[in-house]
Amino acid sequence: MLEIQNVYKTFNKGTINEKRALRGLDLHLLPGDFVTVIGGNGAGKSTMLNAVAGVWPVDEGRIILDGVDLTAIPEHKRAQYIGRVFQDPMLGTAPNMWLEENLALALRRGKHRGLKWGISNEEREMFRAKLSGLGLGLEDRMTAKVGLLSGGQRQALTLLMASLKSPKLLLLDEHTAALDPATAQKVMDLSDKIVAENNLTTMMITHNMSHAIKHGNRLIMMNEGKIILDVRGEEKAHLTKKELMDAFQQIVGAGIESDQVLLSK
């Protein structure tokens, strides 16, 4: 479903602030893969997601999604293929618009707009059913402004919006990092539900080792712009946090403290 082929990305090239963020990155995802991505600060995790989403062009390499070469396609045109949920609950929605209006915008992503009523009665009932499935009571607040929702409610809505059209790829960019532990777990449970129901190919960046191990069918660890560990299937199912950190130490050859991995339990 997704092929990242020998991708390089350097920021501030030729200056004192030069940063080689991706160094020949290769990654292939099968349809339905749910891959969790971990690594230290500066490992290249967010750069990889932004490269896939088209936030900036890559220096070398190709990005192919379901047979479509996205490498030269700008970010706004990739929106028809890719759904994304950001770390900040304030991103990804229009806070001064109603819930149903936000969902209508998500439903029309990548489509041509015409002069007709914004939301049909059929769409409104579909939105109500989808919101009811979140179990947060949002189906009774469809004409409330999104800016009035809590962080957890907003992330749940953004998850629904990102998956409403069953994108080819769903990107979860530390989407629980700004939430308290209890709310984060609820959002993760919703993520699992939405991914499974729609059979979405998904990449999720996280600093939470428990989430990385528990969720998804595959785990990759990045360091210095490359993938240094790729665990899947039964091996991932039986993986422990200690084994994960031991593997990092063995591959990188440095202590966790000295590298400041900043992974949480």
C-alpha atoms as a PDB file:
ATOM      1  CA  MET A   1       0.000   0.000   0.000  1.00  0.00           C
ATOM      2  CA  LEU A   2       2.830   2.414   0.857  1.00  0.00           C
ATOM      3  CA  GLU A   3       6.363   2.352  -0.522  1.00  0.00           C
ATOM      4  CA  ILE A   4       8.996   4.771   0.755  1.00  0.00           C
ATOM      5  CA  GLN A   5      11.975   4.196  -1.503  1.00  0.00           C
ATOM      6  CA  ASN A   6      15.459   5.435  -0.597  1.00  0.00           C
ATOM      7  CA  VAL A   7      14.233   8.827   0.667  1.00  0.00           C
ATOM      8  CA  TYR A   8      16.641  11.550   1.758  1.00  0.00           C
ATOM      9  CA  LYS A   9      15.791  14.879   3.390  1.00  0.00           C
ATOM     10  CA  THR A  10      18.220  17.518   4.647  1.00  0.00           C
ATOM     11  CA  PHE A  11      17.172  20.813   6.222  1.00  0.00           C
ATOM     12  CA  ASN A  12      19.218  24.027   5.977  1.00  0.00           C
ATOM     13  CA  LYS A  13      21.610  22.370   3.543  1.00  0.00           C
ATOM     14  CA  GLY A  14      25.032  24.002   3.338  1.00  0.00           C
ATOM     15  CA  THR A  15      24.597  26.050   6.513  1.00  0.00           C
ATOM     16  CA  ILE A  16      25.851  25.687  10.070  1.00  0.00           C
ATOM     17  CA  ASN A  17      22.362  24.452  10.984  1.00  0.00           C
ATOM     18  CA  GLU A  18      22.344  21.627   8.434  1.00  0.00           C
ATOM     19  CA  LYS A  19      20.327  18.645   9.645  1.00  0.00           C
ATOM     20  CA  ARG A  20      20.191  15.335   7.789  1.00  0.00           C
ATOM     21  CA  ALA A  21      16.735  14.162   8.847  1.00  0.00           C
ATOM     22  CA  LEU A  22      16.216  11.157   6.532  1.00  0.00           C
ATOM     23  CA  ARG A  23      19.102   9.085   5.199  1.00  0.00           C
ATOM     24  CA  GLY A  24      18.057   6.599   2.532  1.00  0.00           C
ATOM     25  CA  LEU A  25      14.813   5.653   4.278  1.00  0.00           C
ATOM     26  CA  ASP A  26      13.077   2.519   2.991  1.00  0.00           C
ATOM     27  CA  LEU A  27       9.705   1.306   4.257  1.00  0.00           C
ATOM     28  CA  HIS A  28       7.012  -0.872   2.678  1.00  0.00           C
ATOM     29  CA  LEU A  29       3.524  -1.237   4.202  1.00  0.00           C
ATOM     30  CA  LEU A  30       1.004  -3.888   3.186  1.00  0.00           C
ATOM     31  CA  PRO A  31      -2.714  -3.079   2.953  1.00  0.00           C
ATOM     32  CA  GLY A  32      -4.188  -3.061   6.464  1.00  0.00           C
ATOM     33  CA  ASP A  33      -0.834  -2.738   8.250  1.00  0.00           C
ATOM     34  CA  PHE A  34      -0.996  -0.732  11.487  1.00  0.00           C
ATOM     35  CA  VAL A  35       2.583   0.352  12.152  1.00  0.00           C
ATOM     36  CA  THR A  36       3.682   2.087  15.348  1.00  0.00           C
ATOM     37  CA  VAL A  37       6.796   4.277  15.058  1.00  0.00           C
ATOM     38  CA  ILE A  38       9.117   5.087  17.966  1.00  0.00           C
ATOM     39  CA  GLY A  39      12.545   6.667  18.394  1.00  0.00           C
ATOM     40  CA  GLY A  40      14.365   9.476  20.118  1.00  0.00           C
ATOM     41  CA  ASN A  41      13.977  13.169  19.444  1.00  0.00           C
ATOM     42  CA  GLY A  42      15.445  13.959  16.030  1.00  0.00           C
ATOM     43  CA  ALA A  43      15.227  10.335  14.873  1.00  0.00           C
ATOM     44  CA  GLY A  44      13.246  11.336  11.776  1.00  0.00           C
ATOM     45  CA  LYS A  45       9.766  10.148  12.767  1.00  0.00           C
ATOM     46  CA  SER A  46       7.852  13.362  12.099  1.00  0.00           C
ATOM     47  CA  THR A  47       9.996  14.125   9.051  1.00  0.00           C
ATOM     48  CA  MET A  48       8.946  10.776   7.596  1.00  0.00           C
ATOM     49  CA  LEU A  49       5.236  11.486   8.194  1.00  0.00           C
ATOM     50  CA  ASN A  50       5.537  15.001   6.795  1.00  0.00           C
ATOM     51  CA  ALA A  51       7.338  13.669   3.724  1.00  0.00           C
ATOM     52  CA  VAL A  52       4.534  11.164   3.122  1.00  0.00           C
ATOM     53  CA  ALA A  53       1.883  13.850   3.676  1.00  0.00           C
ATOM     54  CA  GLY A  54       3.665  16.233   1.292  1.00  0.00           C
ATOM     55  CA  VAL A  55       4.385  19.000   3.784  1.00  0.00           C
ATOM     56  CA  TRP A  56       7.737  19.457   2.057  1.00  0.00           C
ATOM     57  CA  PRO A  57       9.465  17.848  -0.949  1.00  0.00           C
ATOM     58  CA  VAL A  58      12.083  15.161  -0.454  1.00  0.00           C
ATOM     59  CA  ASP A  59      15.623  15.594  -1.791  1.00  0.00           C
ATOM     60  CA  GLU A  60      15.860  12.104  -3.272  1.00  0.00           C
ATOM     61  CA  GLY A  61      13.752   8.964  -3.458  1.00  0.00           C
ATOM     62  CA  ARG A  62      10.108   8.168  -4.172  1.00  0.00           C
ATOM     63  CA  ILE A  63       6.876   7.863  -2.192  1.00  0.00           C
ATOM     64  CA  ILE A  64       4.242   5.591  -3.750  1.00  0.00           C
ATOM     65  CA  LEU A  65       0.768   5.016  -2.297  1.00  0.00           C
ATOM     66  CA  ASP A  66      -1.377   2.221  -3.729  1.00  0.00           C
ATOM     67  CA  GLY A  67       0.453   2.460  -7.037  1.00  0.00           C
ATOM     68  CA  VAL A  68       0.244   6.272  -7.275  1.00  0.00           C
ATOM     69  CA  ASP A  69       3.582   8.105  -7.232  1.00  0.00           C
ATOM     70  CA  LEU A  70       3.033  10.974  -4.773  1.00  0.00           C
ATOM     71  CA  THR A  71       6.596  12.270  -4.835  1.00  0.00           C
ATOM     72  CA  ALA A  72       5.840  15.365  -6.925  1.00  0.00           C
ATOM     73  CA  ILE A  73       2.204  15.809  -5.838  1.00  0.00           C
ATOM     74  CA  PRO A  74       1.604  18.768  -3.468  1.00  0.00           C
ATOM     75  CA  GLU A  75       0.138  18.365   0.004  1.00  0.00           C
ATOM     76  CA  HIS A  76      -3.380  19.608  -0.769  1.00  0.00           C
ATOM     77  CA  LYS A  77      -3.760  17.112  -3.607  1.00  0.00           C
ATOM     78  CA  ARG A  78      -2.620  14.230  -1.389  1.00  0.00           C
ATOM     79  CA  ALA A  79      -5.559  14.945   0.944  1.00  0.00           C
ATOM     80  CA  GLN A  80      -7.811  12.721  -1.170  1.00  0.00           C
ATOM     81  CA  TYR A  81      -5.556   9.754  -0.359  1.00  0.00           C
ATOM     82  CA  ILE A  82      -4.360  10.515   3.180  1.00  0.00           C
ATOM     83  CA  GLY A  83      -6.072  11.199   6.525  1.00  0.00           C
ATOM     84  CA  ARG A  84      -4.096  12.718   9.384  1.00  0.00           C
ATOM     85  CA  VAL A  85      -4.561  13.409  13.095  1.00  0.00           C
ATOM     86  CA  PHE A  86      -2.103  15.806  14.732  1.00  0.00           C
ATOM     87  CA  GLN A  87      -0.681  15.992  18.258  1.00  0.00           C
ATOM     88  CA  ASP A  88      -2.396  19.308  18.973  1.00  0.00           C
ATOM     89  CA  PRO A  89      -6.173  18.790  19.472  1.00  0.00           C
ATOM     90  CA  MET A  90      -6.656  22.326  18.085  1.00  0.00           C
ATOM     91  CA  LEU A  91      -5.411  21.277  14.639  1.00  0.00           C
ATOM     92  CA  GLY A  92      -7.367  19.377  12.037  1.00  0.00           C
ATOM     93  CA  THR A  93     -10.730  21.061  12.720  1.00  0.00           C
ATOM     94  CA  ALA A  94     -12.420  24.439  12.253  1.00  0.00           C
ATOM     95  CA  PRO A  95     -13.126  25.514  15.865  1.00  0.00           C
ATOM     96  CA  ASN A  96     -15.742  28.147  15.029  1.00  0.00           C
ATOM     97  CA  MET A  97     -17.833  25.763  12.928  1.00  0.00           C
ATOM     98  CA  TRP A  98     -20.367  23.210  14.134  1.00  0.00           C
ATOM     99  CA  LEU A  99     -19.530  19.520  14.480  1.00  0.00           C
ATOM    100  CA  GLU A 100     -21.737  18.620  11.534  1.00  0.00           C
ATOM    101  CA  GLU A 101     -20.127  21.339   9.417  1.00  0.00           C
ATOM    102  CA  ASN A 102     -16.658  19.967  10.175  1.00  0.00           C
ATOM    103  CA  LEU A 103     -17.820  16.478   9.218  1.00  0.00           C
ATOM    104  CA  ALA A 104     -19.298  17.831   5.984  1.00  0.00           C
ATOM    105  CA  LEU A 105     -15.955  19.421   5.110  1.00  0.00           C
ATOM    106  CA  ALA A 106     -14.207  16.098   5.760  1.00  0.00           C
ATOM    107  CA  LEU A 107     -16.749  14.253   3.614  1.00  0.00           C
ATOM    108  CA  ARG A 108     -16.118  16.596   0.689  1.00  0.00           C
ATOM    109  CA  ARG A 109     -12.332  16.502   0.882  1.00  0.00           C
ATOM    110  CA  GLY A 110     -10.882  16.199  -2.610  1.00  0.00           C
ATOM    111  CA  LYS A 111     -14.242  16.799  -4.301  1.00  0.00           C
ATOM    112  CA  HIS A 112     -15.407  19.701  -6.445  1.00  0.00           C
ATOM    113  CA  ARG A 113     -17.772  22.071  -4.620  1.00  0.00           C
ATOM    114  CA  GLY A 114     -21.073  23.265  -6.084  1.00  0.00           C
ATOM    115  CA  LEU A 115     -23.935  25.575  -5.197  1.00  0.00           C
ATOM    116  CA  LYS A 116     -26.305  23.469  -3.101  1.00  0.00           C
ATOM    117  CA  TRP A 117     -27.332  23.028   0.520  1.00  0.00           C
ATOM    118  CA  GLY A 118     -24.274  22.340   2.633  1.00  0.00           C
ATOM    119  CA  ILE A 119     -25.574  19.273   4.458  1.00  0.00           C
ATOM    120  CA  SER A 120     -28.358  16.968   3.322  1.00  0.00           C
ATOM    121  CA  ASN A 121     -30.711  15.226   5.746  1.00  0.00           C
ATOM    122  CA  GLU A 122     -29.208  11.899   4.691  1.00  0.00           C
ATOM    123  CA  GLU A 123     -25.699  13.128   5.499  1.00  0.00           C
ATOM    124  CA  ARG A 124     -26.869  14.550   8.815  1.00  0.00           C
ATOM    125  CA  GLU A 125     -28.248  11.155   9.856  1.00  0.00           C
ATOM    126  CA  MET A 126     -25.014   9.482   8.782  1.00  0.00           C
ATOM    127  CA  PHE A 127     -23.005  11.944  10.862  1.00  0.00           C
ATOM    128  CA  ARG A 128     -25.259  11.293  13.851  1.00  0.00           C
ATOM    129  CA  ALA A 129     -24.713   7.544  13.550  1.00  0.00           C
ATOM    130  CA  LYS A 130     -20.951   7.939  13.199  1.00  0.00           C
ATOM    131  CA  LEU A 131     -20.752  10.248  16.234  1.00  0.00           C
ATOM    132  CA  SER A 132     -22.907   7.873  18.260  1.00  0.00           C
ATOM    133  CA  GLY A 133     -20.373   5.141  17.574  1.00  0.00           C
ATOM    134  CA  LEU A 134     -17.738   7.160  19.441  1.00  0.00           C
ATOM    135  CA  GLY A 135     -19.696   6.733  22.685  1.00  0.00           C
ATOM    136  CA  LEU A 136     -19.071  10.313  23.802  1.00  0.00           C
ATOM    137  CA  GLY A 137     -22.544  11.791  23.388  1.00  0.00           C
ATOM    138  CA  LEU A 138     -21.414  14.027  20.538  1.00  0.00           C
ATOM    139  CA  GLU A 139     -24.401  12.981  18.419  1.00  0.00           C
ATOM    140  CA  ASP A 140     -26.473  15.298  20.649  1.00  0.00           C
ATOM    141  CA  ARG A 141     -24.100  18.239  20.078  1.00  0.00           C
ATOM    142  CA  MET A 142     -23.964  18.368  16.289  1.00  0.00           C
ATOM    143  CA  THR A 143     -24.704  22.094  16.208  1.00  0.00           C
ATOM    144  CA  ALA A 144     -22.167  22.939  18.903  1.00  0.00           C
ATOM    145  CA  LYS A 145     -18.948  24.665  17.908  1.00  0.00           C
ATOM    146  CA  VAL A 146     -15.962  22.328  17.841  1.00  0.00           C
ATOM    147  CA  GLY A 147     -13.921  24.824  19.876  1.00  0.00           C
ATOM    148  CA  LEU A 148     -16.154  24.063  22.884  1.00  0.00           C
ATOM    149  CA  LEU A 149     -15.126  20.386  22.982  1.00  0.00           C
ATOM    150  CA  SER A 150     -12.530  18.957  25.349  1.00  0.00           C
ATOM    151  CA  GLY A 151      -9.183  17.817  23.972  1.00  0.00           C
ATOM    152  CA  GLY A 152     -10.200  14.160  24.024  1.00  0.00           C
ATOM    153  CA  GLN A 153     -13.547  14.838  22.349  1.00  0.00           C
ATOM    154  CA  ARG A 154     -11.821  16.903  19.706  1.00  0.00           C
ATOM    155  CA  GLN A 155      -9.252  14.197  18.956  1.00  0.00           C
ATOM    156  CA  ALA A 156     -12.060  11.650  18.695  1.00  0.00           C
ATOM    157  CA  LEU A 157     -13.864  13.921  16.223  1.00  0.00           C
ATOM    158  CA  THR A 158     -10.647  14.469  14.249  1.00  0.00           C
ATOM    159  CA  LEU A 159     -10.136  10.689  14.079  1.00  0.00           C
ATOM    160  CA  LEU A 160     -13.642  10.329  12.686  1.00  0.00           C
ATOM    161  CA  MET A 161     -13.063  13.133  10.168  1.00  0.00           C
ATOM    162  CA  ALA A 162      -9.714  11.673   9.043  1.00  0.00           C
ATOM    163  CA  SER A 163     -11.254   8.240   8.445  1.00  0.00           C
ATOM    164  CA  LEU A 164     -14.661   9.320   7.120  1.00  0.00           C
ATOM    165  CA  LYS A 165     -13.746   8.643   3.473  1.00  0.00           C
ATOM    166  CA  SER A 166     -11.638   5.536   4.226  1.00  0.00           C
ATOM    167  CA  PRO A 167      -8.313   7.027   3.117  1.00  0.00           C
ATOM    168  CA  LYS A 168      -5.592   4.909   1.561  1.00  0.00           C
ATOM    169  CA  LEU A 169      -3.375   5.825   4.521  1.00  0.00           C
ATOM    170  CA  LEU A 170      -4.085   7.172   8.015  1.00  0.00           C
ATOM    171  CA  LEU A 171      -1.304   9.109   9.778  1.00  0.00           C
ATOM    172  CA  LEU A 172      -1.491   9.463  13.573  1.00  0.00           C
ATOM    173  CA  ASP A 173       1.145  11.974  14.658  1.00  0.00           C
ATOM    174  CA  GLU A 174       1.501  11.534  18.452  1.00  0.00           C
ATOM    175  CA  HIS A 175      -2.240  12.133  18.593  1.00  0.00           C
ATOM    176  CA  THR A 176      -2.533  11.266  22.306  1.00  0.00           C
ATOM    177  CA  ALA A 177       0.568  13.121  23.554  1.00  0.00           C
ATOM    178  CA  ALA A 178      -1.355  16.229  24.691  1.00  0.00           C
ATOM    179  CA  LEU A 179      -3.998  14.232  26.589  1.00  0.00           C
ATOM    180  CA  ASP A 180      -4.091  12.949  30.163  1.00  0.00           C
ATOM    181  CA  PRO A 181      -3.452   9.176  30.502  1.00  0.00           C
ATOM    182  CA  ALA A 182      -7.112   8.165  30.927  1.00  0.00           C
ATOM    183  CA  THR A 183      -8.272  10.237  27.954  1.00  0.00           C
ATOM    184  CA  ALA A 184      -5.299   9.079  25.891  1.00  0.00           C
ATOM    185  CA  GLN A 185      -6.320   5.464  26.451  1.00  0.00           C
ATOM    186  CA  LYS A 186      -9.888   6.202  25.342  1.00  0.00           C
ATOM    187  CA  VAL A 187      -8.614   7.837  22.170  1.00  0.00           C
ATOM    188  CA  MET A 188      -6.297   4.875  21.528  1.00  0.00           C
ATOM    189  CA  ASP A 189      -9.208   2.450  21.948  1.00  0.00           C
ATOM    190  CA  LEU A 190     -11.210   4.519  19.461  1.00  0.00           C
ATOM    191  CA  SER A 191      -8.230   4.510  17.099  1.00  0.00           C
ATOM    192  CA  ASP A 192      -8.097   0.711  17.204  1.00  0.00           C
ATOM    193  CA  LYS A 193     -11.832   0.513  16.567  1.00  0.00           C
ATOM    194  CA  ILE A 194     -11.816   2.912  13.612  1.00  0.00           C
ATOM    195  CA  VAL A 195      -8.733   1.329  12.033  1.00  0.00           C
ATOM    196  CA  ALA A 196     -10.175  -2.182  12.369  1.00  0.00           C
ATOM    197  CA  GLU A 197     -13.672  -1.289  11.139  1.00  0.00           C
ATOM    198  CA  ASN A 198     -12.330   0.419   8.027  1.00  0.00           C
ATOM    199  CA  ASN A 199      -9.286  -1.845   7.525  1.00  0.00           C
ATOM    200  CA  LEU A 200      -7.113   1.259   7.285  1.00  0.00           C
ATOM    201  CA  THR A 201      -3.396   1.145   6.557  1.00  0.00           C
ATOM    202  CA  THR A 202      -2.020   3.236   9.418  1.00  0.00           C
ATOM    203  CA  MET A 203       1.221   4.746  10.711  1.00  0.00           C
ATOM    204  CA  MET A 204       1.261   6.029  14.295  1.00  0.00           C
ATOM    205  CA  ILE A 205       4.116   7.953  15.888  1.00  0.00           C
ATOM    206  CA  THR A 206       4.278   7.635  19.659  1.00  0.00           C
ATOM    207  CA  HIS A 207       6.689   8.169  22.546  1.00  0.00           C
ATOM    208  CA  ASN A 208       4.662   5.755  24.674  1.00  0.00           C
ATOM    209  CA  MET A 209       6.288   2.322  24.588  1.00  0.00           C
ATOM    210  CA  SER A 210       3.189   0.619  25.998  1.00  0.00           C
ATOM    211  CA  HIS A 211       1.079   2.034  23.172  1.00  0.00           C
ATOM    212  CA  ALA A 212       3.733   1.116  20.607  1.00  0.00           C
ATOM    213  CA  ILE A 213       3.806  -2.494  21.782  1.00  0.00           C
ATOM    214  CA  LYS A 214       0.088  -2.965  22.468  1.00  0.00           C
ATOM    215  CA  HIS A 215      -1.361  -1.415  19.324  1.00  0.00           C
ATOM    216  CA  GLY A 216      -0.892  -2.387  15.702  1.00  0.00           C
ATOM    217  CA  ASN A 217       0.629  -5.428  14.024  1.00  0.00           C
ATOM    218  CA  ARG A 218       4.071  -3.963  13.399  1.00  0.00           C
ATOM    219  CA  LEU A 219       6.572  -1.750  15.244  1.00  0.00           C
ATOM    220  CA  ILE A 220       9.494   0.150  13.791  1.00  0.00           C
ATOM    221  CA  MET A 221      12.191   2.092  15.640  1.00  0.00           C
ATOM    222  CA  MET A 222      14.038   4.967  13.980  1.00  0.00           C
ATOM    223  CA  ASN A 223      17.390   6.550  14.705  1.00  0.00           C
ATOM    224  CA  GLU A 224      19.301   9.194  12.733  1.00  0.00           C
ATOM    225  CA  GLY A 225      16.886   9.099   9.811  1.00  0.00           C
ATOM    226  CA  LYS A 226      16.862   5.329   9.331  1.00  0.00           C
ATOM    227  CA  ILE A 227      14.842   2.342  10.507  1.00  0.00           C
ATOM    228  CA  ILE A 228      16.990   0.361  12.940  1.00  0.00           C
ATOM    229  CA  LEU A 229      14.396  -2.150  14.169  1.00  0.00           C
ATOM    230  CA  ASP A 230      11.337  -3.691  12.484  1.00  0.00           C
ATOM    231  CA  VAL A 231       9.229  -6.111  14.544  1.00  0.00           C
ATOM    232  CA  ARG A 232       5.943  -7.668  13.474  1.00  0.00           C
ATOM    233  CA  GLY A 233       3.529 -10.531  14.004  1.00  0.00           C
ATOM    234  CA  GLU A 234       4.094 -12.931  16.882  1.00  0.00           C
ATOM    235  CA  GLU A 235       7.448 -11.370  17.706  1.00  0.00           C
ATOM    236  CA  LYS A 236       5.767  -8.019  18.334  1.00  0.00           C
ATOM    237  CA  ALA A 237       2.884  -9.606  20.250  1.00  0.00           C
ATOM    238  CA  HIS A 238       5.327 -11.019  22.816  1.00  0.00           C
ATOM    239  CA  LEU A 239       7.649  -8.007  22.924  1.00  0.00           C
ATOM    240  CA  THR A 240       8.342  -6.367  26.306  1.00  0.00           C
ATOM    241  CA  LYS A 241       9.464  -2.812  27.080  1.00  0.00           C
ATOM    242  CA  LYS A 242      12.759  -4.094  28.456  1.00  0.00           C
ATOM    243  CA  GLU A 243      13.464  -6.079  25.291  1.00  0.00           C
ATOM    244  CA  LEU A 244      12.668  -3.001  23.225  1.00  0.00           C
ATOM    245  CA  MET A 245      15.062  -0.776  25.140  1.00  0.00           C
ATOM    246  CA  ASP A 246      17.748  -3.487  25.203  1.00  0.00           C
ATOM    247  CA  ALA A 247      17.444  -3.775  21.425  1.00  0.00           C
ATOM    248  CA  PHE A 248      17.897  -0.024  21.076  1.00  0.00           C
ATOM    249  CA  GLN A 249      21.027  -0.069  23.246  1.00  0.00           C
ATOM    250  CA  GLN A 250      22.486  -2.992  21.327  1.00  0.00           C
ATOM    251  CA  ILE A 251      21.859  -1.476  17.885  1.00  0.00           C
ATOM    252  CA  VAL A 252      22.820   2.118  18.660  1.00  0.00           C
ATOM    253  CA  GLY A 253      25.600   1.222  21.050  1.00  0.00           C
ATOM    254  CA  ALA A 254      24.774   3.897  23.612  1.00  0.00           C
ATOM    255  CA  GLY A 255      23.026   4.134  26.928  1.00  0.00           C
ATOM    256  CA  ILE A 256      19.462   5.309  27.071  1.00  0.00           C
ATOM    257  CA  GLU A 257      20.339   8.243  29.320  1.00  0.00           C
ATOM    258  CA  SER A 258      23.146   9.506  27.116  1.00  0.00           C
ATOM    259  CA  ASP A 259      20.985   9.366  24.015  1.00  0.00           C
ATOM    260  CA  GLN A 260      17.962  11.011  25.678  1.00  0.00           C
ATOM    261  CA  VAL A 261      15.492   8.716  23.957  1.00  0.00           C
ATOM    262  CA  LEU A 262      12.650  10.190  26.011  1.00  0.00           C
ATOM    263  CA  LEU A 263      10.339   7.226  25.654  1.00  0.00           C
ATOM    264  CA  SER A 264       7.680   6.911  28.338  1.00  0.00           C
ATOM    265  CA  LYS A 265       6.238   3.804  29.899  1.00  0.00           C
END
